[in-house]
């Protein structure tokens, strides 16, 4: 068996595998093979090299290409939706002034400070009724 191993040409390889070696008759086969593989891998290797040097500024710049137009589109859509809504009906036609809340308008109307100064437990509805003048 040692004679067969020595005849194979590659020390330690099983016998009969010399026929499978594509570089058996061409001495420069493996050199050309390596050059071809490296030439085909070059674009991917360059891309990975550039990706390894990415900084925060590069990431923000690449995001801005998509985010800035998206933000502008969202703002325009929001403005259109906001402006297309009908204006809510006014609750009271006359604006309530601070003076009207603190001082009675007519002589028989109780002023709000008097209402708040009473010993009664304040009820939310009672305070609203007092403010509205009911």
C-alpha atoms as a PDB file:
ATOM      1  CA  UNK A   1       0.000   0.000   0.000  1.00  0.00           C
ATOM      2  CA  UNK A   2       2.913   2.353   0.664  1.00  0.00           C
ATOM      3  CA  UNK A   3       3.901   1.925  -2.985  1.00  0.00           C
ATOM      4  CA  UNK A   4       0.448   3.148  -4.076  1.00  0.00           C
ATOM      5  CA  UNK A   5       0.653   6.249  -1.884  1.00  0.00           C
ATOM      6  CA  UNK A   6       4.038   7.140  -3.258  1.00  0.00           C
ATOM      7  CA  UNK A   7       2.749   6.672  -6.807  1.00  0.00           C
ATOM      8  CA  UNK A   8      -0.190   9.057  -6.304  1.00  0.00           C
ATOM      9  CA  UNK A   9       2.092  12.088  -6.392  1.00  0.00           C
ATOM     10  CA  UNK A  10       0.615  13.824  -3.303  1.00  0.00           C
ATOM     11  CA  UNK A  11       2.048  12.533  -0.055  1.00  0.00           C
ATOM     12  CA  UNK A  12      -0.650  11.205   2.265  1.00  0.00           C
ATOM     13  CA  UNK A  13      -3.445  11.163  -0.344  1.00  0.00           C
ATOM     14  CA  UNK A  14      -5.336   7.951  -1.086  1.00  0.00           C
ATOM     15  CA  UNK A  15      -4.323   6.164  -4.263  1.00  0.00           C
ATOM     16  CA  UNK A  16      -6.154   6.815  -7.499  1.00  0.00           C
ATOM     17  CA  UNK A  17      -7.104  10.462  -6.806  1.00  0.00           C
ATOM     18  CA  UNK A  18      -4.499  11.862  -9.197  1.00  0.00           C
ATOM     19  CA  UNK A  19      -6.944  11.342 -12.051  1.00  0.00           C
ATOM     20  CA  UNK A  20      -9.399  13.718 -10.329  1.00  0.00           C
ATOM     21  CA  UNK A  21      -6.892  16.563  -9.936  1.00  0.00           C
ATOM     22  CA  UNK A  22      -7.679  19.209 -12.599  1.00  0.00           C
ATOM     23  CA  UNK A  23      -4.160  20.605 -12.300  1.00  0.00           C
ATOM     24  CA  UNK A  24      -2.503  17.268 -12.877  1.00  0.00           C
ATOM     25  CA  UNK A  25      -1.311  18.129 -16.378  1.00  0.00           C
ATOM     26  CA  UNK A  26      -1.427  21.946 -16.098  1.00  0.00           C
ATOM     27  CA  UNK A  27       1.032  23.401 -13.611  1.00  0.00           C
ATOM     28  CA  UNK A  28      -0.605  26.882 -13.618  1.00  0.00           C
ATOM     29  CA  UNK A  29      -4.210  25.636 -13.201  1.00  0.00           C
ATOM     30  CA  UNK A  30      -4.524  26.455  -9.482  1.00  0.00           C
ATOM     31  CA  UNK A  31      -2.885  29.850  -9.938  1.00  0.00           C
ATOM     32  CA  UNK A  32      -5.380  30.772 -12.678  1.00  0.00           C
ATOM     33  CA  UNK A  33      -8.228  29.343 -10.578  1.00  0.00           C
ATOM     34  CA  UNK A  34      -7.286  31.565  -7.621  1.00  0.00           C
ATOM     35  CA  UNK A  35      -7.017  34.647  -9.858  1.00  0.00           C
ATOM     36  CA  UNK A  36     -10.458  33.931 -11.386  1.00  0.00           C
ATOM     37  CA  UNK A  37     -12.110  33.422  -7.978  1.00  0.00           C
ATOM     38  CA  UNK A  38     -10.549  36.593  -6.575  1.00  0.00           C
ATOM     39  CA  UNK A  39     -11.598  38.606  -9.636  1.00  0.00           C
ATOM     40  CA  UNK A  40     -15.202  37.431  -9.250  1.00  0.00           C
ATOM     41  CA  UNK A  41     -15.179  38.116  -5.496  1.00  0.00           C
ATOM     42  CA  UNK A  42     -13.645  41.581  -5.832  1.00  0.00           C
ATOM     43  CA  UNK A  43     -16.928  43.578  -6.056  1.00  0.00           C
ATOM     44  CA  UNK A  44     -18.321  41.895  -2.934  1.00  0.00           C
ATOM     45  CA  UNK A  45     -15.064  42.353  -1.067  1.00  0.00           C
ATOM     46  CA  UNK A  46     -15.012  46.066  -1.967  1.00  0.00           C
ATOM     47  CA  UNK A  47     -18.657  46.436  -0.852  1.00  0.00           C
ATOM     48  CA  UNK A  48     -17.869  44.823   2.490  1.00  0.00           C
ATOM     49  CA  UNK A  49     -14.819  47.040   2.887  1.00  0.00           C
ATOM     50  CA  UNK A  50     -16.936  50.173   2.322  1.00  0.00           C
ATOM     51  CA  UNK A  51     -19.622  48.883   4.711  1.00  0.00           C
ATOM     52  CA  UNK A  52     -17.024  48.382   7.422  1.00  0.00           C
ATOM     53  CA  UNK A  53     -16.146  52.098   7.295  1.00  0.00           C
ATOM     54  CA  UNK A  54     -19.711  53.360   7.703  1.00  0.00           C
ATOM     55  CA  UNK A  55     -19.993  56.142  10.257  1.00  0.00           C
ATOM     56  CA  UNK A  56     -22.974  57.732  11.961  1.00  0.00           C
ATOM     57  CA  UNK A  57     -22.905  60.539   9.399  1.00  0.00           C
ATOM     58  CA  UNK A  58     -23.191  58.000   6.557  1.00  0.00           C
ATOM     59  CA  UNK A  59     -26.149  56.302   8.230  1.00  0.00           C
ATOM     60  CA  UNK A  60     -27.938  59.604   8.867  1.00  0.00           C
ATOM     61  CA  UNK A  61     -27.335  60.686   5.268  1.00  0.00           C
ATOM     62  CA  UNK A  62     -28.751  57.446   3.891  1.00  0.00           C
ATOM     63  CA  UNK A  63     -31.781  57.690   6.196  1.00  0.00           C
ATOM     64  CA  UNK A  64     -32.390  61.309   5.243  1.00  0.00           C
ATOM     65  CA  UNK A  65     -32.953  60.300   1.628  1.00  0.00           C
ATOM     66  CA  UNK A  66     -36.073  58.428   2.717  1.00  0.00           C
ATOM     67  CA  UNK A  67     -37.103  60.146   5.947  1.00  0.00           C
ATOM     68  CA  UNK A  68     -37.155  63.766   4.785  1.00  0.00           C
ATOM     69  CA  UNK A  69     -39.579  63.172   1.887  1.00  0.00           C
ATOM     70  CA  UNK A  70     -41.625  60.853   4.108  1.00  0.00           C
ATOM     71  CA  UNK A  71     -41.850  63.494   6.828  1.00  0.00           C
ATOM     72  CA  UNK A  72     -42.881  66.158   4.329  1.00  0.00           C
ATOM     73  CA  UNK A  73     -45.545  63.845   2.904  1.00  0.00           C
ATOM     74  CA  UNK A  74     -46.859  63.090   6.410  1.00  0.00           C
ATOM     75  CA  UNK A  75     -46.985  66.814   7.242  1.00  0.00           C
ATOM     76  CA  UNK A  76     -48.888  67.599   4.038  1.00  0.00           C
ATOM     77  CA  UNK A  77     -51.327  64.749   4.681  1.00  0.00           C
ATOM     78  CA  UNK A  78     -51.829  65.933   8.268  1.00  0.00           C
ATOM     79  CA  UNK A  79     -52.470  69.501   7.122  1.00  0.00           C
ATOM     80  CA  UNK A  80     -54.994  68.337   4.524  1.00  0.00           C
ATOM     81  CA  UNK A  81     -56.821  66.200   7.086  1.00  0.00           C
ATOM     82  CA  UNK A  82     -56.741  68.989   9.675  1.00  0.00           C
ATOM     83  CA  UNK A  83     -58.025  71.639   7.277  1.00  0.00           C
ATOM     84  CA  UNK A  84     -60.711  69.394   5.797  1.00  0.00           C
ATOM     85  CA  UNK A  85     -62.441  68.937   9.167  1.00  0.00           C
ATOM     86  CA  UNK A  86     -65.500  71.133   9.681  1.00  0.00           C
ATOM     87  CA  UNK A  87     -65.110  73.834  12.280  1.00  0.00           C
ATOM     88  CA  UNK A  88     -66.824  72.834  15.533  1.00  0.00           C
ATOM     89  CA  UNK A  89     -69.939  74.730  16.465  1.00  0.00           C
ATOM     90  CA  UNK A  90     -69.396  77.316  19.198  1.00  0.00           C
ATOM     91  CA  UNK A  91     -70.600  76.250  22.640  1.00  0.00           C
ATOM     92  CA  UNK A  92     -71.738  79.698  23.642  1.00  0.00           C
ATOM     93  CA  UNK A  93     -72.261  82.564  21.233  1.00  0.00           C
ATOM     94  CA  UNK A  94     -71.009  85.175  23.670  1.00  0.00           C
ATOM     95  CA  UNK A  95     -67.516  84.779  25.021  1.00  0.00           C
ATOM     96  CA  UNK A  96     -67.312  84.451  28.784  1.00  0.00           C
ATOM     97  CA  UNK A  97     -64.983  86.966  30.306  1.00  0.00           C
ATOM     98  CA  UNK A  98     -63.158  86.612  33.583  1.00  0.00           C
ATOM     99  CA  UNK A  99     -65.113  89.558  34.955  1.00  0.00           C
ATOM    100  CA  UNK A 100     -68.387  87.744  34.272  1.00  0.00           C
ATOM    101  CA  UNK A 101     -67.166  84.722  36.200  1.00  0.00           C
ATOM    102  CA  UNK A 102     -66.012  86.646  39.252  1.00  0.00           C
ATOM    103  CA  UNK A 103     -68.710  89.334  39.513  1.00  0.00           C
ATOM    104  CA  UNK A 104     -72.455  88.867  39.072  1.00  0.00           C
ATOM    105  CA  UNK A 105     -73.905  90.345  35.905  1.00  0.00           C
ATOM    106  CA  UNK A 106     -77.373  90.977  37.374  1.00  0.00           C
ATOM    107  CA  UNK A 107     -78.224  91.709  40.937  1.00  0.00           C
ATOM    108  CA  UNK A 108     -80.057  88.409  41.518  1.00  0.00           C
ATOM    109  CA  UNK A 109     -77.227  86.201  40.152  1.00  0.00           C
ATOM    110  CA  UNK A 110     -74.892  84.669  42.697  1.00  0.00           C
ATOM    111  CA  UNK A 111     -71.218  85.365  42.030  1.00  0.00           C
ATOM    112  CA  UNK A 112     -68.873  82.486  41.575  1.00  0.00           C
ATOM    113  CA  UNK A 113     -66.562  83.423  44.469  1.00  0.00           C
ATOM    114  CA  UNK A 114     -69.573  83.363  46.825  1.00  0.00           C
ATOM    115  CA  UNK A 115     -70.492  79.948  45.525  1.00  0.00           C
ATOM    116  CA  UNK A 116     -66.984  78.638  46.059  1.00  0.00           C
ATOM    117  CA  UNK A 117     -66.749  80.203  49.531  1.00  0.00           C
ATOM    118  CA  UNK A 118     -69.850  78.399  50.809  1.00  0.00           C
ATOM    119  CA  UNK A 119     -69.545  75.395  53.112  1.00  0.00           C
ATOM    120  CA  UNK A 120     -71.416  73.159  50.693  1.00  0.00           C
ATOM    121  CA  UNK A 121     -69.596  70.257  49.083  1.00  0.00           C
ATOM    122  CA  UNK A 122     -68.733  71.292  45.553  1.00  0.00           C
ATOM    123  CA  UNK A 123     -70.319  69.296  42.811  1.00  0.00           C
ATOM    124  CA  UNK A 124     -68.908  69.419  39.303  1.00  0.00           C
ATOM    125  CA  UNK A 125     -72.318  69.964  37.763  1.00  0.00           C
ATOM    126  CA  UNK A 126     -73.176  72.695  40.262  1.00  0.00           C
ATOM    127  CA  UNK A 127     -69.985  74.600  39.441  1.00  0.00           C
ATOM    128  CA  UNK A 128     -70.661  74.307  35.705  1.00  0.00           C
ATOM    129  CA  UNK A 129     -74.240  75.459  36.182  1.00  0.00           C
ATOM    130  CA  UNK A 130     -73.014  78.422  38.220  1.00  0.00           C
ATOM    131  CA  UNK A 131     -70.488  79.403  35.562  1.00  0.00           C
ATOM    132  CA  UNK A 132     -73.039  79.093  32.780  1.00  0.00           C
ATOM    133  CA  UNK A 133     -75.611  81.070  34.765  1.00  0.00           C
ATOM    134  CA  UNK A 134     -78.319  78.381  35.063  1.00  0.00           C
END
